[in-house]
Amino acid sequence: MPFKKILNELVQAMPEAIGAIIVDYDGECVQLTTKSDEHDVKVVGAYQKIQLDLLKNIFDHKTNAFITKSDGIDIVSMPIDDEYLVSLILKGDSLIGQAEYVLKSRLKELKEIM
């Protein structure tokens, strides 16, 4: 599956990466790759989808990307289209700008696959 290859390459591009996931409109996992627990990555993906839906409802404009930061985890998320979201999960204090660039550089390819 081409998604798995792209997600693996995203995680390899960022040494701080814990995993990457694509979720659908319900927050269900389409594909993931992780160096950690798969269940945890699936939960993060589902909550990122909820966060995206809240942003869409609060602000009357398109969200191109959003970042979630906590003490130990950073997450960069981008909608692929109206139904799918990709998230890159990293250890805290990572290079967020680089992670956003890496994710954005593969977004067009993900859109073409969809």
Protein backbone atom coordinates (compact mmCIF):
# COMPACT_ATOMS: atom_id res chain seq x y z
CA MET A 1 0.00 0.00 0.00
CA PRO A 2 1.54 3.34 -1.00
CA PHE A 3 0.39 5.05 2.23
CA LYS A 4 2.61 2.82 4.36
CA LYS A 5 5.69 3.67 2.29
CA ILE A 6 5.05 7.41 2.60
CA LEU A 7 4.38 7.19 6.34
CA ASN A 8 7.57 5.17 6.86
CA GLU A 9 9.55 7.79 4.94
CA LEU A 10 8.01 10.59 7.02
CA VAL A 11 9.05 8.88 10.25
CA GLN A 12 12.55 8.15 8.90
CA ALA A 13 12.96 11.81 7.86
CA MET A 14 12.51 13.00 11.44
CA PRO A 15 14.77 11.39 14.07
CA GLU A 16 12.36 12.56 16.81
CA ALA A 17 9.37 10.91 15.14
CA ILE A 18 7.38 8.37 17.11
CA GLY A 19 4.91 7.60 14.35
CA ALA A 20 2.65 8.82 11.59
CA ILE A 21 -1.00 8.08 10.88
CA ILE A 22 -3.70 8.72 8.31
CA VAL A 23 -7.26 8.79 9.64
CA ASP A 24 -10.58 9.04 7.81
CA TYR A 25 -13.60 11.31 8.40
CA ASP A 26 -14.62 9.24 11.45
CA GLY A 27 -11.14 9.33 12.97
CA GLU A 28 -10.57 5.66 12.11
CA CYS A 29 -7.06 4.59 11.17
CA VAL A 30 -6.49 4.09 7.44
CA GLN A 31 -2.76 3.42 7.80
CA LEU A 32 -0.08 3.99 10.41
CA THR A 33 3.55 3.40 11.15
CA THR A 34 5.08 3.68 14.58
CA LYS A 35 8.12 3.06 16.75
CA SER A 36 5.74 2.89 19.72
CA ASP A 37 2.40 1.33 20.67
CA GLU A 38 -0.03 1.19 17.72
CA HIS A 39 -3.04 1.74 19.97
CA ASP A 40 -1.58 5.00 21.30
CA VAL A 41 -0.96 6.28 17.76
CA LYS A 42 -4.53 5.37 16.76
CA VAL A 43 -5.90 7.29 19.74
CA VAL A 44 -3.75 10.33 18.89
CA GLY A 45 -4.98 10.17 15.29
CA ALA A 46 -8.62 10.02 16.35
CA TYR A 47 -8.22 13.01 18.68
CA GLN A 48 -6.43 15.00 15.99
CA LYS A 49 -9.46 14.47 13.75
CA ILE A 50 -11.73 15.72 16.55
CA GLN A 51 -9.49 18.77 16.95
CA LEU A 52 -9.64 19.46 13.19
CA ASP A 53 -13.45 19.23 13.25
CA LEU A 54 -13.57 21.69 16.16
CA LEU A 55 -11.33 24.13 14.30
CA LYS A 56 -13.59 23.88 11.24
CA ASN A 57 -16.66 24.59 13.37
CA ILE A 58 -15.14 27.48 15.34
CA PHE A 59 -13.42 29.26 12.46
CA ASP A 60 -15.16 29.80 9.19
CA HIS A 61 -12.15 29.04 7.01
CA LYS A 62 -10.05 26.12 5.87
CA THR A 63 -7.41 24.74 8.22
CA ASN A 64 -4.22 23.86 6.32
CA ALA A 65 -2.26 22.57 9.30
CA PHE A 66 -2.26 22.61 13.07
CA ILE A 67 0.23 21.75 15.77
CA THR A 68 -0.43 20.21 19.16
CA LYS A 69 2.30 20.55 21.79
CA SER A 70 2.56 19.00 25.22
CA ASP A 71 5.41 18.32 27.64
CA GLY A 72 6.50 15.12 25.92
CA ILE A 73 4.79 15.01 22.52
CA ASP A 74 4.50 17.30 19.51
CA ILE A 75 2.01 16.55 16.73
CA VAL A 76 1.87 18.16 13.30
CA SER A 77 -1.39 17.47 11.44
CA MET A 78 -2.60 18.38 7.97
CA PRO A 79 -5.84 17.58 6.20
CA ILE A 80 -5.19 15.63 3.00
CA ASP A 81 -8.66 16.49 1.72
CA ASP A 82 -12.14 16.87 3.23
CA GLU A 83 -12.18 13.27 4.43
CA TYR A 84 -8.62 12.37 5.45
CA LEU A 85 -6.02 13.73 7.87
CA VAL A 86 -2.33 12.89 8.25
CA SER A 87 -0.46 13.41 11.51
CA LEU A 88 3.23 13.17 12.35
CA ILE A 89 3.85 12.43 16.04
CA LEU A 90 7.18 13.44 17.55
CA LYS A 91 8.97 13.45 20.87
CA GLY A 92 8.64 16.80 22.65
CA ASP A 93 10.96 19.68 21.85
CA SER A 94 11.36 18.52 18.28
CA LEU A 95 11.98 20.70 15.27
CA ILE A 96 8.35 21.59 14.54
CA GLY A 97 9.17 23.74 11.50
CA GLN A 98 11.15 20.92 9.93
CA ALA A 99 8.38 18.41 10.72
CA GLU A 100 5.80 20.70 9.11
CA TYR A 101 8.01 21.07 6.02
CA VAL A 102 8.57 17.31 5.74
CA LEU A 103 4.86 16.58 6.10
CA LYS A 104 3.86 19.30 3.64
CA SER A 105 6.41 18.03 1.10
CA ARG A 106 4.53 14.70 0.91
CA LEU A 107 0.99 16.11 1.05
CA LYS A 108 0.57 16.48 -2.71
CA GLU A 109 1.57 12.85 -3.19
CA LEU A 110 -0.95 11.75 -0.57
CA LYS A 111 -3.68 13.80 -2.27
CA GLU A 112 -2.91 12.16 -5.60
CA ILE A 113 -3.23 8.69 -4.08
CA MET A 114 -6.61 9.54 -2.57
